[in-house]
Full PDB file with SEQRES, HELIX, SHEET, SSBOND, CRYST1, ORIGX, SCALE, CONECT and MASTER records, all heavy atoms in Angstrom:
SEQRES   1 A   39  ILE ASP ALA GLY ASN GLN THR GLU GLY HIS ARG PHE LEU          
SEQRES   2 A   39  ALA PRO GLY VAL PHE THR ILE SER ASN ALA ASP GLN TYR          
SEQRES   3 A   39  GLU ASN GLU LEU GLN SER LYS ALA LYS VAL ILE PRO SER          
HELIX    1 AA1 ALA A   23  GLN A   25  5                                   3    
HELIX    2 AA2 TYR A   26  ALA A   34  1                                   9    
SHEET    1 AA1 2 GLN A   6  GLU A   8  0                                        
SHEET    2 AA1 2 VAL A  17  THR A  19 -1                                        
CRYST1    1.000    1.000    1.000  90.00  90.00  90.00 P 1           1          
ORIGX1      1.000000  0.000000  0.000000        0.00000                         
ORIGX2      0.000000  1.000000  0.000000        0.00000                         
ORIGX3      0.000000  0.000000  1.000000        0.00000                         
SCALE1      1.000000  0.000000  0.000000        0.00000                         
SCALE2      0.000000  1.000000  0.000000        0.00000                         
SCALE3      0.000000  0.000000  1.000000        0.00000                         
ATOM      1  N   ILE A   1      50.401 191.425  79.184  1.00  0.00           N  
ATOM      2  CA  ILE A   1      50.916 190.770  77.975  1.00  0.00           C  
ATOM      3  C   ILE A   1      50.781 191.699  76.772  1.00  0.00           C  
ATOM      4  O   ILE A   1      49.733 192.320  76.569  1.00  0.00           O  
ATOM      5  CB  ILE A   1      50.132 189.467  77.689  1.00  0.00           C  
ATOM      6  CG1 ILE A   1      50.201 188.527  78.894  1.00  0.00           C  
ATOM      7  CG2 ILE A   1      50.647 188.777  76.441  1.00  0.00           C  
ATOM      8  CD1 ILE A   1      49.222 187.378  78.814  1.00  0.00           C  
ATOM      9  N   ASP A   2      51.835 191.778  75.962  1.00  0.00           N  
ATOM     10  CA  ASP A   2      51.766 192.508  74.699  1.00  0.00           C  
ATOM     11  C   ASP A   2      51.183 191.598  73.627  1.00  0.00           C  
ATOM     12  O   ASP A   2      51.510 190.409  73.549  1.00  0.00           O  
ATOM     13  CB  ASP A   2      53.162 192.969  74.255  1.00  0.00           C  
ATOM     14  CG  ASP A   2      53.724 194.026  75.190  1.00  0.00           C  
ATOM     15  OD1 ASP A   2      52.923 194.774  75.788  1.00  0.00           O  
ATOM     16  OD2 ASP A   2      54.961 194.087  75.332  1.00  0.00           O  
ATOM     17  N   ALA A   3      50.323 192.149  72.791  1.00  0.00           N  
ATOM     18  CA  ALA A   3      49.690 191.349  71.744  1.00  0.00           C  
ATOM     19  C   ALA A   3      50.684 190.981  70.652  1.00  0.00           C  
ATOM     20  O   ALA A   3      51.645 191.717  70.382  1.00  0.00           O  
ATOM     21  CB  ALA A   3      48.521 192.117  71.140  1.00  0.00           C  
ATOM     22  N   GLY A   4      50.440 189.843  70.007  1.00  0.00           N  
ATOM     23  CA  GLY A   4      51.262 189.400  68.890  1.00  0.00           C  
ATOM     24  C   GLY A   4      50.393 188.704  67.861  1.00  0.00           C  
ATOM     25  O   GLY A   4      49.174 188.909  67.825  1.00  0.00           O  
ATOM     26  N   ASN A   5      51.028 187.871  67.026  1.00  0.00           N  
ATOM     27  CA  ASN A   5      50.280 187.138  66.001  1.00  0.00           C  
ATOM     28  C   ASN A   5      50.400 185.623  66.192  1.00  0.00           C  
ATOM     29  O   ASN A   5      50.251 184.850  65.267  1.00  0.00           O  
ATOM     30  CB  ASN A   5      50.740 187.536  64.603  1.00  0.00           C  
ATOM     31  CG  ASN A   5      52.206 187.214  64.371  1.00  0.00           C  
ATOM     32  OD1 ASN A   5      52.917 186.808  65.299  1.00  0.00           O  
ATOM     33  ND2 ASN A   5      52.671 187.402  63.138  1.00  0.00           N  
ATOM     34  N   GLN A   6      50.707 185.212  67.434  1.00  0.00           N  
ATOM     35  CA  GLN A   6      50.895 183.785  67.691  1.00  0.00           C  
ATOM     36  C   GLN A   6      49.898 183.259  68.731  1.00  0.00           C  
ATOM     37  O   GLN A   6      49.444 183.999  69.611  1.00  0.00           O  
ATOM     38  CB  GLN A   6      52.323 183.520  68.189  1.00  0.00           C  
ATOM     39  CG  GLN A   6      53.385 183.779  67.123  1.00  0.00           C  
ATOM     40  CD  GLN A   6      54.773 183.434  67.633  1.00  0.00           C  
ATOM     41  OE1 GLN A   6      55.105 183.715  68.780  1.00  0.00           O  
ATOM     42  NE2 GLN A   6      55.578 182.812  66.789  1.00  0.00           N  
ATOM     43  N   THR A   7      49.585 181.995  68.603  1.00  0.00           N  
ATOM     44  CA  THR A   7      48.735 181.306  69.565  1.00  0.00           C  
ATOM     45  C   THR A   7      49.286 179.896  69.747  1.00  0.00           C  
ATOM     46  O   THR A   7      50.338 179.570  69.184  1.00  0.00           O  
ATOM     47  CB  THR A   7      47.269 181.272  69.107  1.00  0.00           C  
ATOM     48  OG1 THR A   7      46.471 180.728  70.168  1.00  0.00           O  
ATOM     49  CG2 THR A   7      47.079 180.436  67.848  1.00  0.00           C  
ATOM     50  N   GLU A   8      48.602 179.076  70.502  1.00  0.00           N  
ATOM     51  CA  GLU A   8      49.057 177.713  70.742  1.00  0.00           C  
ATOM     52  C   GLU A   8      47.987 176.715  70.336  1.00  0.00           C  
ATOM     53  O   GLU A   8      46.792 177.001  70.398  1.00  0.00           O  
ATOM     54  CB  GLU A   8      49.409 177.523  72.227  1.00  0.00           C  
ATOM     55  CG  GLU A   8      50.584 178.392  72.652  1.00  0.00           C  
ATOM     56  CD  GLU A   8      51.002 178.134  74.095  1.00  0.00           C  
ATOM     57  OE1 GLU A   8      50.837 176.995  74.560  1.00  0.00           O  
ATOM     58  OE2 GLU A   8      51.490 179.096  74.737  1.00  0.00           O  
ATOM     59  N   GLY A   9      48.442 175.536  69.916  1.00  0.00           N  
ATOM     60  CA  GLY A   9      47.534 174.506  69.455  1.00  0.00           C  
ATOM     61  C   GLY A   9      47.038 173.621  70.581  1.00  0.00           C  
ATOM     62  O   GLY A   9      47.193 173.931  71.768  1.00  0.00           O  
ATOM     63  N   HIS A  10      46.426 172.513  70.198  1.00  0.00           N  
ATOM     64  CA  HIS A  10      45.906 171.520  71.138  1.00  0.00           C  
ATOM     65  C   HIS A  10      47.013 171.076  72.093  1.00  0.00           C  
ATOM     66  O   HIS A  10      48.145 170.835  71.678  1.00  0.00           O  
ATOM     67  CB  HIS A  10      45.369 170.325  70.349  1.00  0.00           C  
ATOM     68  CG  HIS A  10      44.590 169.349  71.151  1.00  0.00           C  
ATOM     69  ND1 HIS A  10      45.169 168.471  72.037  1.00  0.00           N  
ATOM     70  CD2 HIS A  10      43.259 169.079  71.192  1.00  0.00           C  
ATOM     71  CE1 HIS A  10      44.236 167.715  72.585  1.00  0.00           C  
ATOM     72  NE2 HIS A  10      43.060 168.072  72.094  1.00  0.00           N  
ATOM     73  N   ARG A  11      46.661 170.973  73.373  1.00  0.00           N  
ATOM     74  CA  ARG A  11      47.673 170.683  74.388  1.00  0.00           C  
ATOM     75  C   ARG A  11      48.431 169.379  74.117  1.00  0.00           C  
ATOM     76  O   ARG A  11      49.631 169.273  74.393  1.00  0.00           O  
ATOM     77  CB  ARG A  11      47.018 170.626  75.773  1.00  0.00           C  
ATOM     78  CG  ARG A  11      48.022 170.529  76.906  1.00  0.00           C  
ATOM     79  CD  ARG A  11      47.330 170.373  78.241  1.00  0.00           C  
ATOM     80  NE  ARG A  11      46.703 171.611  78.688  1.00  0.00           N  
ATOM     81  CZ  ARG A  11      47.343 172.603  79.313  1.00  0.00           C  
ATOM     82  NH1 ARG A  11      48.654 172.508  79.511  1.00  0.00           N  
ATOM     83  NH2 ARG A  11      46.700 173.671  79.716  1.00  0.00           N  
ATOM     84  N   PHE A  12      47.748 168.357  73.545  1.00  0.00           N  
ATOM     85  CA  PHE A  12      48.380 167.052  73.329  1.00  0.00           C  
ATOM     86  C   PHE A  12      48.593 166.722  71.856  1.00  0.00           C  
ATOM     87  O   PHE A  12      49.621 166.163  71.477  1.00  0.00           O  
ATOM     88  CB  PHE A  12      47.530 165.945  73.962  1.00  0.00           C  
ATOM     89  CG  PHE A  12      47.182 166.212  75.393  1.00  0.00           C  
ATOM     90  CD1 PHE A  12      45.872 166.453  75.763  1.00  0.00           C  
ATOM     91  CD2 PHE A  12      48.166 166.254  76.367  1.00  0.00           C  
ATOM     92  CE1 PHE A  12      45.547 166.715  77.087  1.00  0.00           C  
ATOM     93  CE2 PHE A  12      47.853 166.510  77.689  1.00  0.00           C  
ATOM     94  CZ  PHE A  12      46.533 166.752  78.050  1.00  0.00           C  
ATOM     95  N   LEU A  13      47.624 167.077  71.010  1.00  0.00           N  
ATOM     96  CA  LEU A  13      47.678 166.661  69.606  1.00  0.00           C  
ATOM     97  C   LEU A  13      48.513 167.593  68.736  1.00  0.00           C  
ATOM     98  O   LEU A  13      49.015 167.172  67.693  1.00  0.00           O  
ATOM     99  CB  LEU A  13      46.254 166.558  69.034  1.00  0.00           C  
ATOM    100  CG  LEU A  13      45.312 165.586  69.767  1.00  0.00           C  
ATOM    101  CD1 LEU A  13      43.934 165.616  69.126  1.00  0.00           C  
ATOM    102  CD2 LEU A  13      45.886 164.162  69.741  1.00  0.00           C  
ATOM    103  N   ALA A  14      48.653 168.858  69.140  1.00  0.00           N  
ATOM    104  CA  ALA A  14      49.450 169.811  68.348  1.00  0.00           C  
ATOM    105  C   ALA A  14      50.070 170.849  69.270  1.00  0.00           C  
ATOM    106  O   ALA A  14      49.815 172.043  69.139  1.00  0.00           O  
ATOM    107  CB  ALA A  14      48.563 170.486  67.300  1.00  0.00           C  
ATOM    108  N   PRO A  15      50.867 170.395  70.229  1.00  0.00           N  
ATOM    109  CA  PRO A  15      51.439 171.328  71.198  1.00  0.00           C  
ATOM    110  C   PRO A  15      52.424 172.284  70.535  1.00  0.00           C  
ATOM    111  O   PRO A  15      53.013 171.977  69.511  1.00  0.00           O  
ATOM    112  CB  PRO A  15      52.145 170.408  72.201  1.00  0.00           C  
ATOM    113  CG  PRO A  15      52.469 169.176  71.412  1.00  0.00           C  
ATOM    114  CD  PRO A  15      51.343 169.010  70.445  1.00  0.00           C  
ATOM    115  N   GLY A  16      52.577 173.434  71.152  1.00  0.00           N  
ATOM    116  CA  GLY A  16      53.549 174.397  70.627  1.00  0.00           C  
ATOM    117  C   GLY A  16      52.889 175.644  70.084  1.00  0.00           C  
ATOM    118  O   GLY A  16      51.671 175.735  69.942  1.00  0.00           O  
ATOM    119  N   VAL A  17      53.751 176.607  69.756  1.00  0.00           N  
ATOM    120  CA  VAL A  17      53.312 177.921  69.288  1.00  0.00           C  
ATOM    121  C   VAL A  17      53.314 177.951  67.769  1.00  0.00           C  
ATOM    122  O   VAL A  17      54.191 177.384  67.129  1.00  0.00           O  
ATOM    123  CB  VAL A  17      54.269 179.008  69.836  1.00  0.00           C  
ATOM    124  CG1 VAL A  17      53.876 180.382  69.313  1.00  0.00           C  
ATOM    125  CG2 VAL A  17      54.282 178.979  71.362  1.00  0.00           C  
ATOM    126  N   PHE A  18      52.319 178.600  67.187  1.00  0.00           N  
ATOM    127  CA  PHE A  18      52.355 178.806  65.735  1.00  0.00           C  
ATOM    128  C   PHE A  18      51.730 180.157  65.414  1.00  0.00           C  
ATOM    129  O   PHE A  18      51.006 180.753  66.222  1.00  0.00           O  
ATOM    130  CB  PHE A  18      51.655 177.660  64.994  1.00  0.00           C  
ATOM    131  CG  PHE A  18      50.159 177.676  65.094  1.00  0.00           C  
ATOM    132  CD1 PHE A  18      49.372 178.187  64.072  1.00  0.00           C  
ATOM    133  CD2 PHE A  18      49.527 177.158  66.215  1.00  0.00           C  
ATOM    134  CE1 PHE A  18      48.002 178.193  64.170  1.00  0.00           C  
ATOM    135  CE2 PHE A  18      48.159 177.161  66.317  1.00  0.00           C  
ATOM    136  CZ  PHE A  18      47.381 177.676  65.285  1.00  0.00           C  
ATOM    137  N   THR A  19      52.034 180.626  64.215  1.00  0.00           N  
ATOM    138  CA  THR A  19      51.650 181.974  63.791  1.00  0.00           C  
ATOM    139  C   THR A  19      50.368 181.946  62.976  1.00  0.00           C  
ATOM    140  O   THR A  19      50.188 181.097  62.102  1.00  0.00           O  
ATOM    141  CB  THR A  19      52.766 182.608  62.952  1.00  0.00           C  
ATOM    142  OG1 THR A  19      53.966 182.658  63.746  1.00  0.00           O  
ATOM    143  CG2 THR A  19      52.391 184.015  62.513  1.00  0.00           C  
ATOM    144  N   ILE A  20      49.475 182.900  63.261  1.00  0.00           N  
ATOM    145  CA  ILE A  20      48.275 183.107  62.449  1.00  0.00           C  
ATOM    146  C   ILE A  20      48.640 184.161  61.400  1.00  0.00           C  
ATOM    147  O   ILE A  20      49.006 185.288  61.740  1.00  0.00           O  
ATOM    148  CB  ILE A  20      47.089 183.595  63.303  1.00  0.00           C  
ATOM    149  CG1 ILE A  20      46.733 182.552  64.375  1.00  0.00           C  
ATOM    150  CG2 ILE A  20      45.881 183.887  62.431  1.00  0.00           C  
ATOM    151  CD1 ILE A  20      46.162 181.271  63.843  1.00  0.00           C  
ATOM    152  N   SER A  21      48.550 183.799  60.139  1.00  0.00           N  
ATOM    153  CA  SER A  21      49.024 184.686  59.076  1.00  0.00           C  
ATOM    154  C   SER A  21      48.101 185.867  58.822  1.00  0.00           C  
ATOM    155  O   SER A  21      48.550 186.952  58.449  1.00  0.00           O  
ATOM    156  CB  SER A  21      49.190 183.886  57.773  1.00  0.00           C  
ATOM    157  OG  SER A  21      47.954 183.279  57.404  1.00  0.00           O  
ATOM    158  N   ASN A  22      46.786 185.651  59.032  1.00  0.00           N  
ATOM    159  CA  ASN A  22      45.822 186.701  58.723  1.00  0.00           C  
ATOM    160  C   ASN A  22      44.580 186.476  59.585  1.00  0.00           C  
ATOM    161  O   ASN A  22      44.223 185.337  59.880  1.00  0.00           O  
ATOM    162  CB  ASN A  22      45.449 186.676  57.241  1.00  0.00           C  
ATOM    163  CG  ASN A  22      44.607 187.874  56.815  1.00  0.00           C  
ATOM    164  OD1 ASN A  22      43.444 187.967  57.183  1.00  0.00           O  
ATOM    165  ND2 ASN A  22      45.205 188.763  56.035  1.00  0.00           N  
ATOM    166  N   ALA A  23      43.938 187.554  59.959  1.00  0.00           N  
ATOM    167  CA  ALA A  23      42.757 187.438  60.812  1.00  0.00           C  
ATOM    168  C   ALA A  23      41.691 186.535  60.201  1.00  0.00           C  
ATOM    169  O   ALA A  23      40.995 185.806  60.912  1.00  0.00           O  
ATOM    170  CB  ALA A  23      42.173 188.823  61.096  1.00  0.00           C  
ATOM    171  N   ASP A  24      41.559 186.568  58.878  1.00  0.00           N  
ATOM    172  CA  ASP A  24      40.539 185.753  58.209  1.00  0.00           C  
ATOM    173  C   ASP A  24      40.859 184.263  58.270  1.00  0.00           C  
ATOM    174  O   ASP A  24      39.974 183.427  58.076  1.00  0.00           O  
ATOM    175  CB  ASP A  24      40.395 186.172  56.741  1.00  0.00           C  
ATOM    176  CG  ASP A  24      39.680 187.507  56.600  1.00  0.00           C  
ATOM    177  OD1 ASP A  24      38.715 187.725  57.351  1.00  0.00           O  
ATOM    178  OD2 ASP A  24      40.087 188.319  55.753  1.00  0.00           O  
ATOM    179  N   GLN A  25      42.115 183.905  58.510  1.00  0.00           N  
ATOM    180  CA  GLN A  25      42.532 182.505  58.490  1.00  0.00           C  
ATOM    181  C   GLN A  25      42.494 181.836  59.859  1.00  0.00           C  
ATOM    182  O   GLN A  25      42.853 180.666  59.995  1.00  0.00           O  
ATOM    183  CB  GLN A  25      43.961 182.410  57.926  1.00  0.00           C  
ATOM    184  CG  GLN A  25      44.095 182.881  56.490  1.00  0.00           C  
ATOM    185  CD  GLN A  25      43.184 182.068  55.567  1.00  0.00           C  
ATOM    186  OE1 GLN A  25      43.166 180.841  55.617  1.00  0.00           O  
ATOM    187  NE2 GLN A  25      42.421 182.769  54.727  1.00  0.00           N  
ATOM    188  N   TYR A  26      42.058 182.572  60.866  1.00  0.00           N  
ATOM    189  CA  TYR A  26      42.125 182.077  62.250  1.00  0.00           C  
ATOM    190  C   TYR A  26      41.459 180.709  62.426  1.00  0.00           C  
ATOM    191  O   TYR A  26      42.106 179.742  62.835  1.00  0.00           O  
ATOM    192  CB  TYR A  26      41.477 183.102  63.179  1.00  0.00           C  
ATOM    193  CG  TYR A  26      41.415 182.688  64.629  1.00  0.00           C  
ATOM    194  CD1 TYR A  26      42.555 182.642  65.416  1.00  0.00           C  
ATOM    195  CD2 TYR A  26      40.188 182.345  65.221  1.00  0.00           C  
ATOM    196  CE1 TYR A  26      42.492 182.270  66.755  1.00  0.00           C  
ATOM    197  CE2 TYR A  26      40.113 181.974  66.561  1.00  0.00           C  
ATOM    198  CZ  TYR A  26      41.263 181.940  67.320  1.00  0.00           C  
ATOM    199  OH  TYR A  26      41.200 181.564  68.636  1.00  0.00           O  
ATOM    200  N   GLU A  27      40.181 180.614  62.113  1.00  0.00           N  
ATOM    201  CA  GLU A  27      39.443 179.366  62.339  1.00  0.00           C  
ATOM    202  C   GLU A  27      40.015 178.230  61.498  1.00  0.00           C  
ATOM    203  O   GLU A  27      40.218 177.115  61.992  1.00  0.00           O  
ATOM    204  CB  GLU A  27      37.953 179.565  62.033  1.00  0.00           C  
ATOM    205  CG  GLU A  27      37.099 178.354  62.347  1.00  0.00           C  
ATOM    206  CD  GLU A  27      35.612 178.625  62.188  1.00  0.00           C  
ATOM    207  OE1 GLU A  27      35.244 179.643  61.566  1.00  0.00           O  
ATOM    208  OE2 GLU A  27      34.804 177.818  62.677  1.00  0.00           O  
ATOM    209  N   ASN A  28      40.305 178.536  60.240  1.00  0.00           N  
ATOM    210  CA  ASN A  28      40.816 177.508  59.335  1.00  0.00           C  
ATOM    211  C   ASN A  28      42.185 176.982  59.793  1.00  0.00           C  
ATOM    212  O   ASN A  28      42.425 175.766  59.801  1.00  0.00           O  
ATOM    213  CB  ASN A  28      40.907 178.075  57.915  1.00  0.00           C  
ATOM    214  CG  ASN A  28      41.459 177.062  56.934  1.00  0.00           C  
ATOM    215  OD1 ASN A  28      40.918 175.971  56.788  1.00  0.00           O  
ATOM    216  ND2 ASN A  28      42.547 177.430  56.258  1.00  0.00           N  
ATOM    217  N   GLU A  29      43.077 177.894  60.188  1.00  0.00           N  
ATOM    218  CA  GLU A  29      44.427 177.470  60.585  1.00  0.00           C  
ATOM    219  C   GLU A  29      44.428 176.732  61.923  1.00  0.00           C  
ATOM    220  O   GLU A  29      45.223 175.812  62.124  1.00  0.00           O  
ATOM    221  CB  GLU A  29      45.362 178.681  60.622  1.00  0.00           C  
ATOM    222  CG  GLU A  29      45.634 179.247  59.226  1.00  0.00           C  
ATOM    223  CD  GLU A  29      46.685 180.345  59.218  1.00  0.00           C  
ATOM    224  OE1 GLU A  29      47.119 180.766  60.313  1.00  0.00           O  
ATOM    225  OE2 GLU A  29      47.065 180.786  58.128  1.00  0.00           O  
ATOM    226  N   LEU A  30      43.532 177.119  62.828  1.00  0.00           N  
ATOM    227  CA  LEU A  30      43.449 176.388  64.089  1.00  0.00           C  
ATOM    228  C   LEU A  30      43.011 174.950  63.845  1.00  0.00           C  
ATOM    229  O   LEU A  30      43.513 174.016  64.466  1.00  0.00           O  
ATOM    230  CB  LEU A  30      42.469 177.076  65.046  1.00  0.00           C  
ATOM    231  CG  LEU A  30      43.028 178.188  65.946  1.00  0.00           C  
ATOM    232  CD1 LEU A  30      41.921 178.769  66.813  1.00  0.00           C  
ATOM    233  CD2 LEU A  30      44.148 177.670  66.834  1.00  0.00           C  
ATOM    234  N   GLN A  31      42.059 174.770  62.959  1.00  0.00           N  
ATOM    235  CA  GLN A  31      41.557 173.425  62.692  1.00  0.00           C  
ATOM    236  C   GLN A  31      42.566 172.579  61.916  1.00  0.00           C  
ATOM    237  O   GLN A  31      42.768 171.405  62.219  1.00  0.00           O  
ATOM    238  CB  GLN A  31      40.226 173.493  61.927  1.00  0.00           C  
ATOM    239  CG  GLN A  31      39.089 174.046  62.763  1.00  0.00           C  
ATOM    240  CD  GLN A  31      37.740 173.986  62.069  1.00  0.00           C  
ATOM    241  OE1 GLN A  31      36.770 174.518  62.564  1.00  0.00           O  
ATOM    242  NE2 GLN A  31      37.659 173.353  60.927  1.00  0.00           N  
ATOM    243  N   SER A  32      43.211 173.196  60.910  1.00  0.00           N  
ATOM    244  CA  SER A  32      44.110 172.420  60.048  1.00  0.00           C  
ATOM    245  C   SER A  32      45.499 172.220  60.656  1.00  0.00           C  
ATOM    246  O   SER A  32      46.132 171.182  60.457  1.00  0.00           O  
ATOM    247  CB  SER A  32      44.246 173.115  58.686  1.00  0.00           C  
ATOM    248  OG  SER A  32      44.786 174.423  58.840  1.00  0.00           O  
ATOM    249  N   LYS A  33      45.984 173.194  61.425  1.00  0.00           N  
ATOM    250  CA  LYS A  33      47.337 173.117  61.964  1.00  0.00           C  
ATOM    251  C   LYS A  33      47.396 172.761  63.448  1.00  0.00           C  
ATOM    252  O   LYS A  33      48.392 172.208  63.914  1.00  0.00           O  
ATOM    253  CB  LYS A  33      48.063 174.461  61.780  1.00  0.00           C  
ATOM    254  CG  LYS A  33      48.258 174.892  60.329  1.00  0.00           C  
ATOM    255  CD  LYS A  33      48.965 176.240  60.302  1.00  0.00           C  
ATOM    256  CE  LYS A  33      49.172 176.749  58.872  1.00  0.00           C  
ATOM    257  NZ  LYS A  33      49.828 178.078  58.878  1.00  0.00           N  
ATOM    258  N   ALA A  34      46.330 173.082  64.179  1.00  0.00           N  
ATOM    259  CA  ALA A  34      46.445 173.019  65.636  1.00  0.00           C  
ATOM    260  C   ALA A  34      45.492 172.036  66.300  1.00  0.00           C  
ATOM    261  O   ALA A  34      45.476 171.936  67.524  1.00  0.00           O  
ATOM    262  CB  ALA A  34      46.211 174.418  66.221  1.00  0.00           C  
ATOM    263  N   LYS A  35      44.685 171.309  65.508  1.00  0.00           N  
ATOM    264  CA  LYS A  35      43.736 170.343  66.074  1.00  0.00           C  
ATOM    265  C   LYS A  35      42.820 171.016  67.106  1.00  0.00           C  
ATOM    266  O   LYS A  35      42.603 170.517  68.211  1.00  0.00           O  
ATOM    267  CB  LYS A  35      44.482 169.174  66.733  1.00  0.00           C  
ATOM    268  CG  LYS A  35      45.202 168.263  65.746  1.00  0.00           C  
ATOM    269  CD  LYS A  35      44.214 167.426  64.948  1.00  0.00           C  
ATOM    270  CE  LYS A  35      44.929 166.413  64.075  1.00  0.00           C  
ATOM    271  NZ  LYS A  35      43.976 165.571  63.318  1.00  0.00           N  
ATOM    272  N   VAL A  36      42.294 172.171  66.733  1.00  0.00           N  
ATOM    273  CA  VAL A  36      41.383 172.919  67.599  1.00  0.00           C  
ATOM    274  C   VAL A  36      40.177 173.357  66.772  1.00  0.00           C  
ATOM    275  O   VAL A  36      40.338 173.933  65.692  1.00  0.00           O  
ATOM    276  CB  VAL A  36      42.066 174.167  68.212  1.00  0.00           C  
ATOM    277  CG1 VAL A  36      41.043 175.025  68.958  1.00  0.00           C  
ATOM    278  CG2 VAL A  36      43.195 173.761  69.132  1.00  0.00           C  
ATOM    279  N   ILE A  37      38.972 173.067  67.277  1.00  0.00           N  
ATOM    280  CA  ILE A  37      37.748 173.609  66.679  1.00  0.00           C  
ATOM    281  C   ILE A  37      37.368 174.799  67.555  1.00  0.00           C  
ATOM    282  O   ILE A  37      36.798 174.623  68.639  1.00  0.00           O  
ATOM    283  CB  ILE A  37      36.618 172.561  66.665  1.00  0.00           C  
ATOM    284  CG1 ILE A  37      37.042 171.326  65.880  1.00  0.00           C  
ATOM    285  CG2 ILE A  37      35.346 173.149  66.069  1.00  0.00           C  
ATOM    286  CD1 ILE A  37      36.037 170.182  65.941  1.00  0.00           C  
ATOM    287  N   PRO A  38      37.692 176.019  67.134  1.00  0.00           N  
ATOM    288  CA  PRO A  38      37.530 177.175  68.026  1.00  0.00           C  
ATOM    289  C   PRO A  38      36.084 177.589  68.284  1.00  0.00           C  
ATOM    290  O   PRO A  38      35.781 178.157  69.319  1.00  0.00           O  
ATOM    291  CB  PRO A  38      38.297 178.285  67.302  1.00  0.00           C  
ATOM    292  CG  PRO A  38      38.239 177.893  65.861  1.00  0.00           C  
ATOM    293  CD  PRO A  38      38.293 176.394  65.840  1.00  0.00           C  
ATOM    294  N   SER A  39      35.187 177.309  67.336  1.00  0.00           N  
ATOM    295  CA  SER A  39      33.796 177.719  67.497  1.00  0.00           C  
ATOM    296  C   SER A  39      33.088 176.815  68.502  1.00  0.00           C  
ATOM    297  O   SER A  39      33.000 175.606  68.312  1.00  0.00           O  
ATOM    298  CB  SER A  39      33.067 177.667  66.153  1.00  0.00           C  
ATOM    299  OG  SER A  39      31.668 177.782  66.345  1.00  0.00           O  
TER     300      SER A  39                                                      
MASTER        0    0    0    2    2    0    0    6  299    1    0    3          
END                                                                             
């Protein structure tokens, strides 16, 4: 797989692909946009 700037959200609550705008925003964007607590 080639690396990119996209990941996927919660399988049921926020399905689909979305873009992480900046490395510093990873945890915040997963929680606010993707219904995922990554830690």
